[in-house]
């Protein structure tokens, strides 16, 4: 089975927003061919950049938190952080694919109950400012106990971390830094 790969943008990693950002993003997409692309810019969010990515990168583009924008411009879906999972029904009524962030089994159950399509579970490996890593063992445990497709997230930088994720029954992985290398 091919695992899902979920490229998450971050202008601080892709550099020189917006000019070099576009070049590096397109290079990353060409090199890695991710299943999904999440436009996630907390500091530099730009509607025009979101639309540029959608035009250039195809139909499997999601935007972070912006349900109205995703619906209005027919993005594939929306990614909701854990503090916005209550918005899942609203996003589903808009016929959006919904990925939500989770950090516990209880949050995964809530996402599934509210109609989410997929979840990220993090952090699996050490990553800046994200707390203690949960590890691959915890990932295996939640994957077994959840009926939701789960993407491992956090500290996935090299092929060795991807290989560890691949050995679990997780649906795949999500990363910023893996794709920017």
N, C-alpha and C. Protein backbone atom coordinates (compact mmCIF):
# COMPACT_ATOMS: atom_id res chain seq x y z
N UNK A 1 0.84 -1.19 0.00
CA UNK A 1 0.00 0.00 0.00
C UNK A 1 0.88 1.25 0.00
N UNK A 2 0.56 2.19 -0.86
CA UNK A 2 1.27 3.46 -0.85
C UNK A 2 0.81 4.29 0.32
N UNK A 3 1.76 4.78 1.08
CA UNK A 3 1.44 5.63 2.22
C UNK A 3 1.19 7.05 1.75
N UNK A 4 0.35 7.74 2.47
CA UNK A 4 0.03 9.14 2.18
C UNK A 4 1.19 10.02 2.64
N UNK A 5 1.55 10.97 1.80
CA UNK A 5 2.53 11.98 2.20
C UNK A 5 1.85 13.34 2.12
N UNK A 6 2.06 14.14 3.16
CA UNK A 6 1.31 15.39 3.36
C UNK A 6 2.31 16.51 3.57
N UNK A 7 2.56 17.28 2.54
CA UNK A 7 3.50 18.38 2.60
C UNK A 7 2.82 19.57 3.26
N UNK A 8 3.46 20.10 4.30
CA UNK A 8 2.95 21.26 5.01
C UNK A 8 3.88 22.43 4.74
N UNK A 9 3.33 23.54 4.27
CA UNK A 9 4.18 24.70 3.99
C UNK A 9 4.49 25.46 5.27
N UNK A 10 5.63 26.11 5.25
CA UNK A 10 6.05 27.01 6.32
C UNK A 10 7.07 27.95 5.71
N UNK A 11 6.71 29.20 5.55
CA UNK A 11 7.59 30.14 4.86
C UNK A 11 8.93 30.31 5.56
N UNK A 12 9.01 30.07 6.86
CA UNK A 12 10.29 30.20 7.54
C UNK A 12 11.26 29.10 7.10
N UNK A 13 10.75 27.99 6.62
CA UNK A 13 11.60 26.90 6.14
C UNK A 13 11.89 27.07 4.64
N UNK A 14 10.90 27.53 3.90
CA UNK A 14 11.07 27.66 2.46
C UNK A 14 11.76 28.95 2.03
N UNK A 15 11.96 29.88 2.92
CA UNK A 15 12.74 31.12 2.75
C UNK A 15 12.19 32.15 1.77
N UNK A 16 12.58 33.38 2.01
CA UNK A 16 12.30 34.54 1.15
C UNK A 16 10.87 34.59 0.64
N UNK A 17 9.96 34.66 1.53
CA UNK A 17 8.54 34.70 1.19
C UNK A 17 8.24 35.99 0.46
N UNK A 18 7.54 36.03 -0.65
CA UNK A 18 6.97 34.89 -1.38
C UNK A 18 7.83 34.38 -2.53
N UNK A 19 8.85 35.11 -2.96
CA UNK A 19 9.56 34.76 -4.18
C UNK A 19 10.25 33.40 -4.12
N UNK A 20 11.21 33.23 -3.24
CA UNK A 20 11.93 31.95 -3.14
C UNK A 20 10.98 30.85 -2.64
N UNK A 21 10.01 31.23 -1.87
CA UNK A 21 9.02 30.27 -1.36
C UNK A 21 8.40 29.49 -2.52
N UNK A 22 7.96 30.19 -3.54
CA UNK A 22 7.31 29.55 -4.68
C UNK A 22 8.26 28.59 -5.39
N UNK A 23 9.48 29.03 -5.62
CA UNK A 23 10.47 28.20 -6.31
C UNK A 23 10.76 26.94 -5.51
N UNK A 24 11.02 27.10 -4.21
CA UNK A 24 11.34 25.95 -3.37
C UNK A 24 10.15 25.02 -3.20
N UNK A 25 8.96 25.57 -3.10
CA UNK A 25 7.77 24.73 -2.98
C UNK A 25 7.56 23.89 -4.23
N UNK A 26 7.66 24.50 -5.39
CA UNK A 26 7.49 23.75 -6.64
C UNK A 26 8.56 22.67 -6.78
N UNK A 27 9.77 22.97 -6.37
CA UNK A 27 10.86 21.99 -6.42
C UNK A 27 10.55 20.81 -5.48
N UNK A 28 10.05 21.11 -4.29
CA UNK A 28 9.71 20.06 -3.33
C UNK A 28 8.59 19.17 -3.86
N UNK A 29 7.61 19.78 -4.48
CA UNK A 29 6.49 19.01 -5.03
C UNK A 29 6.95 18.12 -6.17
N UNK A 30 7.78 18.66 -7.03
CA UNK A 30 8.30 17.86 -8.15
C UNK A 30 9.16 16.70 -7.64
N UNK A 31 9.97 16.96 -6.64
CA UNK A 31 10.88 15.94 -6.11
C UNK A 31 10.14 14.84 -5.35
N UNK A 32 9.16 15.22 -4.53
CA UNK A 32 8.52 14.26 -3.62
C UNK A 32 7.13 13.81 -4.04
N UNK A 33 6.47 14.55 -4.91
CA UNK A 33 5.12 14.21 -5.36
C UNK A 33 4.18 13.85 -4.19
N UNK A 34 3.97 14.80 -3.25
CA UNK A 34 3.13 14.49 -2.09
C UNK A 34 1.68 14.22 -2.49
N UNK A 35 1.02 13.42 -1.68
CA UNK A 35 -0.39 13.10 -1.91
C UNK A 35 -1.25 14.34 -1.70
N UNK A 36 -0.95 15.09 -0.62
CA UNK A 36 -1.68 16.31 -0.27
C UNK A 36 -0.68 17.43 0.01
N UNK A 37 -1.14 18.65 -0.18
CA UNK A 37 -0.35 19.84 0.15
C UNK A 37 -1.22 20.71 1.05
N UNK A 38 -0.66 21.09 2.18
CA UNK A 38 -1.36 21.99 3.10
C UNK A 38 -0.69 23.35 3.07
N UNK A 39 -1.44 24.37 2.66
CA UNK A 39 -0.95 25.74 2.76
C UNK A 39 -1.24 26.21 4.18
N UNK A 40 -0.17 26.27 4.98
CA UNK A 40 -0.29 26.59 6.40
C UNK A 40 0.68 27.71 6.72
N UNK A 41 0.18 28.90 6.72
CA UNK A 41 1.00 30.07 7.05
C UNK A 41 0.31 30.83 8.15
N UNK A 42 0.78 30.66 9.37
CA UNK A 42 0.15 31.33 10.50
C UNK A 42 0.48 32.82 10.51
N UNK A 43 1.71 33.17 10.14
CA UNK A 43 2.15 34.56 10.17
C UNK A 43 1.92 35.28 8.85
N UNK A 44 2.15 34.58 7.75
CA UNK A 44 2.14 35.21 6.42
C UNK A 44 0.98 34.76 5.54
N UNK A 45 -0.14 34.37 6.12
CA UNK A 45 -1.23 33.84 5.29
C UNK A 45 -1.63 34.86 4.23
N UNK A 46 -1.76 34.39 3.01
CA UNK A 46 -2.13 35.23 1.88
C UNK A 46 -3.13 34.46 1.02
N UNK A 47 -4.29 35.04 0.82
CA UNK A 47 -5.29 34.41 -0.03
C UNK A 47 -4.74 34.23 -1.44
N UNK A 48 -4.03 35.22 -1.94
CA UNK A 48 -3.49 35.11 -3.30
C UNK A 48 -2.47 33.98 -3.40
N UNK A 49 -1.67 33.78 -2.35
CA UNK A 49 -0.71 32.67 -2.36
C UNK A 49 -1.45 31.34 -2.29
N UNK A 50 -2.49 31.25 -1.50
CA UNK A 50 -3.28 30.02 -1.42
C UNK A 50 -3.85 29.68 -2.80
N UNK A 51 -4.35 30.67 -3.49
CA UNK A 51 -4.91 30.44 -4.83
C UNK A 51 -3.83 30.08 -5.84
N UNK A 52 -2.67 30.69 -5.73
CA UNK A 52 -1.54 30.37 -6.62
C UNK A 52 -1.15 28.90 -6.43
N UNK A 53 -1.06 28.46 -5.18
CA UNK A 53 -0.71 27.06 -4.91
C UNK A 53 -1.76 26.13 -5.48
N UNK A 54 -3.01 26.48 -5.32
CA UNK A 54 -4.09 25.65 -5.87
C UNK A 54 -3.98 25.54 -7.39
N UNK A 55 -3.75 26.67 -8.04
CA UNK A 55 -3.63 26.66 -9.51
C UNK A 55 -2.42 25.85 -9.97
N UNK A 56 -1.31 25.99 -9.28
CA UNK A 56 -0.06 25.35 -9.70
C UNK A 56 0.04 23.89 -9.28
N UNK A 57 -0.63 23.52 -8.22
CA UNK A 57 -0.38 22.22 -7.62
C UNK A 57 -1.55 21.26 -7.71
N UNK A 58 -2.63 21.65 -8.31
CA UNK A 58 -3.72 20.71 -8.53
C UNK A 58 -4.78 20.70 -7.46
N UNK A 59 -5.55 19.65 -7.48
CA UNK A 59 -6.77 19.57 -6.69
C UNK A 59 -6.60 19.08 -5.26
N UNK A 60 -5.46 18.59 -4.90
CA UNK A 60 -5.29 18.03 -3.55
C UNK A 60 -4.62 19.01 -2.60
N UNK A 61 -5.06 20.27 -2.65
CA UNK A 61 -4.53 21.32 -1.79
C UNK A 61 -5.55 21.65 -0.71
N UNK A 62 -5.05 21.73 0.52
CA UNK A 62 -5.87 22.11 1.67
C UNK A 62 -5.35 23.43 2.20
N UNK A 63 -6.22 24.17 2.87
CA UNK A 63 -5.79 25.38 3.57
C UNK A 63 -5.99 25.18 5.06
N UNK A 64 -5.18 25.86 5.82
CA UNK A 64 -5.20 25.72 7.27
C UNK A 64 -6.24 26.67 7.87
N UNK A 65 -7.25 26.13 8.51
CA UNK A 65 -8.24 26.85 9.31
C UNK A 65 -9.28 27.66 8.55
N UNK A 66 -9.06 28.01 7.32
CA UNK A 66 -9.92 28.93 6.58
C UNK A 66 -11.04 28.19 5.82
N UNK A 67 -12.08 27.82 6.53
CA UNK A 67 -13.18 27.05 5.93
C UNK A 67 -13.87 27.85 4.83
N UNK A 68 -14.17 29.12 5.10
CA UNK A 68 -14.87 29.93 4.08
C UNK A 68 -14.06 30.05 2.81
N UNK A 69 -12.77 30.29 2.94
CA UNK A 69 -11.89 30.40 1.77
C UNK A 69 -11.85 29.07 1.02
N UNK A 70 -11.71 27.98 1.75
CA UNK A 70 -11.66 26.66 1.13
C UNK A 70 -12.94 26.36 0.36
N UNK A 71 -14.06 26.71 0.95
CA UNK A 71 -15.35 26.49 0.28
C UNK A 71 -15.51 27.40 -0.94
N UNK A 72 -15.25 28.68 -0.75
CA UNK A 72 -15.46 29.67 -1.82
C UNK A 72 -14.63 29.36 -3.06
N UNK A 73 -13.38 28.94 -2.87
CA UNK A 73 -12.49 28.72 -4.01
C UNK A 73 -12.29 27.24 -4.34
N UNK A 74 -13.15 26.42 -3.76
CA UNK A 74 -13.18 24.99 -4.07
C UNK A 74 -11.84 24.28 -3.88
N UNK A 75 -11.24 24.53 -2.73
CA UNK A 75 -10.07 23.76 -2.36
C UNK A 75 -10.53 22.34 -2.05
N UNK A 76 -9.60 21.42 -2.08
CA UNK A 76 -9.92 20.04 -1.76
C UNK A 76 -10.40 19.92 -0.32
N UNK A 77 -9.77 20.68 0.56
CA UNK A 77 -10.17 20.56 1.95
C UNK A 77 -9.54 21.59 2.86
N UNK A 78 -9.70 21.31 4.14
CA UNK A 78 -9.21 22.21 5.18
C UNK A 78 -8.56 21.37 6.28
N UNK A 79 -7.52 21.94 6.87
CA UNK A 79 -6.86 21.31 8.02
C UNK A 79 -7.20 22.15 9.24
N UNK A 80 -7.78 21.52 10.24
CA UNK A 80 -8.17 22.24 11.45
C UNK A 80 -7.25 21.87 12.62
N UNK A 81 -6.71 22.87 13.30
CA UNK A 81 -5.90 22.57 14.49
C UNK A 81 -6.81 22.03 15.60
N UNK A 82 -6.20 21.45 16.62
CA UNK A 82 -6.98 20.79 17.67
C UNK A 82 -7.95 21.73 18.38
N UNK A 83 -7.65 23.02 18.43
CA UNK A 83 -8.58 23.95 19.08
C UNK A 83 -9.77 24.32 18.20
N UNK A 84 -9.80 23.86 16.96
CA UNK A 84 -10.93 24.16 16.06
C UNK A 84 -11.68 22.91 15.59
N UNK A 85 -11.48 21.77 16.26
CA UNK A 85 -12.16 20.56 15.80
C UNK A 85 -13.68 20.67 15.86
N UNK A 86 -14.20 21.53 16.69
CA UNK A 86 -15.66 21.73 16.74
C UNK A 86 -16.19 22.27 15.41
N UNK A 87 -15.31 22.78 14.58
CA UNK A 87 -15.69 23.31 13.26
C UNK A 87 -15.81 22.22 12.19
N UNK A 88 -15.48 20.97 12.54
CA UNK A 88 -15.53 19.89 11.55
C UNK A 88 -16.91 19.77 10.89
N UNK A 89 -18.02 19.77 11.63
CA UNK A 89 -19.32 19.65 10.96
C UNK A 89 -19.57 20.79 9.95
N UNK A 90 -19.16 21.99 10.28
CA UNK A 90 -19.31 23.12 9.36
C UNK A 90 -18.51 22.87 8.07
N UNK A 91 -17.29 22.40 8.21
CA UNK A 91 -16.46 22.10 7.04
C UNK A 91 -17.06 20.97 6.21
N UNK A 92 -17.60 19.96 6.86
CA UNK A 92 -18.20 18.83 6.15
C UNK A 92 -19.47 19.27 5.41
N UNK A 93 -20.25 20.17 6.01
CA UNK A 93 -21.44 20.71 5.31
C UNK A 93 -21.02 21.45 4.04
N UNK A 94 -19.80 21.98 4.05
CA UNK A 94 -19.27 22.67 2.87
C UNK A 94 -18.63 21.70 1.88
N UNK A 95 -18.78 20.40 2.16
CA UNK A 95 -18.27 19.33 1.29
C UNK A 95 -16.75 19.36 1.16
N UNK A 96 -16.07 19.70 2.25
CA UNK A 96 -14.62 19.72 2.27
C UNK A 96 -14.07 18.45 2.90
N UNK A 97 -12.94 18.01 2.42
CA UNK A 97 -12.17 16.95 3.06
C UNK A 97 -11.54 17.59 4.29
N UNK A 98 -11.65 16.92 5.45
CA UNK A 98 -11.18 17.53 6.69
C UNK A 98 -10.10 16.68 7.35
N UNK A 99 -8.96 17.33 7.54
CA UNK A 99 -7.87 16.76 8.34
C UNK A 99 -7.81 17.60 9.60
N UNK A 100 -7.66 16.97 10.75
CA UNK A 100 -7.57 17.72 12.01
C UNK A 100 -6.37 17.23 12.81
N UNK A 101 -5.85 18.11 13.62
CA UNK A 101 -4.68 17.81 14.45
C UNK A 101 -5.12 17.17 15.76
N UNK A 102 -4.39 16.12 16.16
CA UNK A 102 -4.67 15.46 17.43
C UNK A 102 -3.37 15.14 18.15
N UNK A 103 -3.48 15.10 19.47
CA UNK A 103 -2.32 14.80 20.30
C UNK A 103 -2.62 13.71 21.32
N UNK A 104 -3.84 13.14 21.23
CA UNK A 104 -4.23 12.07 22.16
C UNK A 104 -5.28 11.19 21.48
N UNK A 105 -5.47 10.02 22.05
CA UNK A 105 -6.48 9.11 21.55
C UNK A 105 -7.87 9.72 21.69
N UNK A 106 -8.12 10.41 22.79
CA UNK A 106 -9.43 11.06 22.99
C UNK A 106 -9.71 12.08 21.89
N UNK A 107 -8.71 12.88 21.53
CA UNK A 107 -8.90 13.85 20.44
C UNK A 107 -9.17 13.15 19.12
N UNK A 108 -8.52 12.01 18.88
CA UNK A 108 -8.78 11.24 17.66
C UNK A 108 -10.22 10.74 17.63
N UNK A 109 -10.72 10.26 18.77
CA UNK A 109 -12.12 9.81 18.84
C UNK A 109 -13.08 10.96 18.56
N UNK A 110 -12.77 12.15 19.10
CA UNK A 110 -13.62 13.32 18.88
C UNK A 110 -13.64 13.70 17.40
N UNK A 111 -12.49 13.70 16.77
CA UNK A 111 -12.40 14.03 15.34
C UNK A 111 -13.25 13.06 14.53
N UNK A 112 -13.14 11.78 14.81
CA UNK A 112 -13.93 10.77 14.10
C UNK A 112 -15.42 10.98 14.33
N UNK A 113 -15.80 11.21 15.58
CA UNK A 113 -17.21 11.40 15.93
C UNK A 113 -17.81 12.62 15.21
N UNK A 114 -17.01 13.67 15.05
CA UNK A 114 -17.49 14.90 14.40
C UNK A 114 -17.47 14.82 12.87
N UNK A 115 -16.91 13.73 12.33
CA UNK A 115 -16.95 13.53 10.88
C UNK A 115 -15.65 13.83 10.16
N UNK A 116 -14.56 14.02 10.88
CA UNK A 116 -13.27 14.26 10.23
C UNK A 116 -12.88 13.10 9.34
N UNK A 117 -12.15 13.39 8.29
CA UNK A 117 -11.74 12.35 7.34
C UNK A 117 -10.40 11.72 7.70
N UNK A 118 -9.53 12.51 8.33
CA UNK A 118 -8.18 12.06 8.64
C UNK A 118 -7.65 12.94 9.75
N UNK A 119 -6.59 12.46 10.44
CA UNK A 119 -6.00 13.27 11.50
C UNK A 119 -4.48 13.15 11.46
N UNK A 120 -3.83 14.22 11.90
CA UNK A 120 -2.41 14.13 12.18
C UNK A 120 -2.28 13.83 13.67
N UNK A 121 -1.28 13.06 14.02
CA UNK A 121 -1.01 12.74 15.42
C UNK A 121 0.43 13.13 15.69
N UNK A 122 0.63 13.96 16.72
CA UNK A 122 1.98 14.51 16.92
C UNK A 122 2.24 14.89 18.37
N UNK A 123 3.54 15.17 18.64
CA UNK A 123 4.72 14.94 17.79
C UNK A 123 5.23 13.51 17.98
N UNK A 124 5.62 12.88 16.90
CA UNK A 124 6.15 11.52 16.98
C UNK A 124 7.63 11.55 17.37
N UNK A 125 8.40 12.39 16.69
CA UNK A 125 9.82 12.55 16.99
C UNK A 125 10.04 13.96 17.52
N UNK A 126 11.23 14.22 18.05
CA UNK A 126 11.55 15.55 18.58
C UNK A 126 11.43 16.60 17.49
N UNK A 127 10.78 17.69 17.83
CA UNK A 127 10.60 18.80 16.91
C UNK A 127 10.54 20.08 17.73
N UNK A 128 11.07 21.18 17.18
CA UNK A 128 11.14 22.41 17.97
C UNK A 128 9.78 22.89 18.48
N UNK A 129 9.74 23.23 19.76
CA UNK A 129 8.58 23.87 20.39
C UNK A 129 7.29 23.04 20.40
N UNK A 130 7.41 21.73 20.33
CA UNK A 130 6.20 20.90 20.29
C UNK A 130 6.09 19.92 21.44
N UNK A 131 6.94 20.05 22.44
CA UNK A 131 6.84 19.19 23.60
C UNK A 131 7.53 17.85 23.41
N UNK A 132 7.34 17.00 24.39
CA UNK A 132 7.97 15.69 24.41
C UNK A 132 7.43 14.81 23.29
N UNK A 133 8.30 14.18 22.51
CA UNK A 133 7.82 13.30 21.44
C UNK A 133 7.09 12.08 21.98
N UNK A 134 6.07 11.66 21.27
CA UNK A 134 5.27 10.51 21.69
C UNK A 134 5.93 9.20 21.30
N UNK A 135 6.64 9.19 20.18
CA UNK A 135 7.34 8.00 19.73
C UNK A 135 6.50 7.09 18.85
N UNK A 136 7.20 6.20 18.18
CA UNK A 136 6.55 5.28 17.24
C UNK A 136 5.64 4.29 17.97
N UNK A 137 6.03 3.87 19.16
CA UNK A 137 5.21 2.93 19.93
C UNK A 137 3.83 3.53 20.23
N UNK A 138 3.79 4.79 20.64
CA UNK A 138 2.51 5.45 20.91
C UNK A 138 1.69 5.60 19.63
N UNK A 139 2.38 5.87 18.52
CA UNK A 139 1.69 5.96 17.23
C UNK A 139 1.02 4.63 16.90
N UNK A 140 1.76 3.53 17.04
CA UNK A 140 1.19 2.20 16.76
C UNK A 140 -0.05 1.96 17.62
N UNK A 141 0.03 2.35 18.87
CA UNK A 141 -1.08 2.13 19.81
C UNK A 141 -2.33 2.90 19.37
N UNK A 142 -2.19 4.18 19.05
CA UNK A 142 -3.38 4.96 18.66
C UNK A 142 -3.91 4.51 17.31
N UNK A 143 -3.03 4.09 16.41
CA UNK A 143 -3.48 3.59 15.11
C UNK A 143 -4.35 2.35 15.30
N UNK A 144 -3.94 1.47 16.21
CA UNK A 144 -4.73 0.25 16.49
C UNK A 144 -6.08 0.58 17.10
N UNK A 145 -6.13 1.62 17.92
CA UNK A 145 -7.35 1.93 18.68
C UNK A 145 -8.28 2.94 17.99
N UNK A 146 -7.84 3.52 16.92
CA UNK A 146 -8.66 4.54 16.25
C UNK A 146 -9.17 4.00 14.92
N UNK A 147 -10.34 4.42 14.55
CA UNK A 147 -10.91 4.03 13.25
C UNK A 147 -10.68 5.12 12.20
N UNK A 148 -9.83 6.05 12.51
CA UNK A 148 -9.56 7.19 11.64
C UNK A 148 -8.20 7.02 10.99
N UNK A 149 -8.05 7.31 9.70
CA UNK A 149 -6.71 7.30 9.10
C UNK A 149 -5.84 8.35 9.80
N UNK A 150 -4.65 7.93 10.21
CA UNK A 150 -3.78 8.81 10.98
C UNK A 150 -2.47 9.03 10.23
N UNK A 151 -2.08 10.30 10.18
CA UNK A 151 -0.79 10.70 9.61
C UNK A 151 0.14 11.06 10.76
N UNK A 152 1.30 10.44 10.80
CA UNK A 152 2.31 10.78 11.80
C UNK A 152 2.88 12.15 11.46
N UNK A 153 3.11 12.96 12.49
CA UNK A 153 3.63 14.31 12.30
C UNK A 153 4.61 14.63 13.41
N UNK A 154 5.62 15.39 13.08
CA UNK A 154 6.55 15.88 14.09
C UNK A 154 7.91 15.24 14.01
N UNK A 155 8.91 16.01 13.62
CA UNK A 155 10.28 15.54 13.60
C UNK A 155 10.61 14.59 12.47
N UNK A 156 9.77 14.52 11.47
CA UNK A 156 10.02 13.64 10.32
C UNK A 156 10.83 14.45 9.32
N UNK A 157 12.13 14.18 9.29
CA UNK A 157 13.06 14.99 8.51
C UNK A 157 13.75 14.18 7.41
N UNK A 158 14.06 12.93 7.73
CA UNK A 158 14.82 12.10 6.80
C UNK A 158 14.07 10.81 6.48
N UNK A 159 14.61 10.08 5.54
CA UNK A 159 14.00 8.82 5.12
C UNK A 159 13.94 7.81 6.27
N UNK A 160 14.87 7.91 7.21
CA UNK A 160 14.85 6.93 8.32
C UNK A 160 13.60 7.09 9.18
N UNK A 161 13.13 8.33 9.39
CA UNK A 161 11.88 8.52 10.14
C UNK A 161 10.68 8.04 9.31
N UNK A 162 10.71 8.31 8.02
CA UNK A 162 9.63 7.84 7.15
C UNK A 162 9.57 6.32 7.17
N UNK A 163 10.72 5.66 7.16
CA UNK A 163 10.76 4.19 7.21
C UNK A 163 10.15 3.67 8.50
N UNK A 164 10.41 4.34 9.60
CA UNK A 164 9.81 3.91 10.88
C UNK A 164 8.29 4.06 10.85
N UNK A 165 7.81 5.14 10.26
CA UNK A 165 6.37 5.37 10.14
C UNK A 165 5.76 4.32 9.22
N UNK A 166 6.45 4.01 8.14
CA UNK A 166 5.95 3.05 7.16
C UNK A 166 5.73 1.68 7.79
N UNK A 167 6.54 1.34 8.78
CA UNK A 167 6.39 0.04 9.44
C UNK A 167 5.18 -0.01 10.38
N UNK A 168 4.57 1.12 10.64
CA UNK A 168 3.34 1.12 11.44
C UNK A 168 2.16 1.00 10.48
N UNK A 169 0.98 0.96 11.01
CA UNK A 169 -0.21 0.92 10.14
C UNK A 169 -0.81 2.30 9.97
N UNK A 170 0.00 3.33 10.26
CA UNK A 170 -0.46 4.70 10.02
C UNK A 170 -0.73 4.88 8.54
N UNK A 171 -1.65 5.76 8.22
CA UNK A 171 -1.99 6.02 6.82
C UNK A 171 -0.83 6.66 6.07
N UNK A 172 0.06 7.32 6.80
CA UNK A 172 1.20 7.98 6.17
C UNK A 172 1.83 8.97 7.12
N UNK A 173 2.44 10.00 6.54
CA UNK A 173 3.12 11.00 7.36
C UNK A 173 2.90 12.39 6.81
N UNK A 174 3.05 13.36 7.70
CA UNK A 174 2.96 14.78 7.35
C UNK A 174 4.25 15.43 7.84
N UNK A 175 4.74 16.41 7.09
CA UNK A 175 5.99 17.05 7.48
C UNK A 175 6.16 18.40 6.80
N UNK A 176 6.91 19.25 7.45
CA UNK A 176 7.38 20.49 6.85
C UNK A 176 8.81 20.26 6.36
N UNK A 177 9.68 19.90 7.28
CA UNK A 177 11.12 19.85 6.99
C UNK A 177 11.52 18.71 6.04
N UNK A 178 10.84 17.58 6.06
CA UNK A 178 11.19 16.48 5.15
C UNK A 178 11.13 16.94 3.70
N UNK A 179 10.10 17.67 3.37
CA UNK A 179 9.90 18.09 1.98
C UNK A 179 10.77 19.28 1.59
N UNK A 180 11.28 20.00 2.56
CA UNK A 180 12.06 21.19 2.24
C UNK A 180 13.54 20.89 2.03
N UNK A 181 13.95 19.65 2.21
CA UNK A 181 15.37 19.26 2.06
C UNK A 181 15.74 19.04 0.62
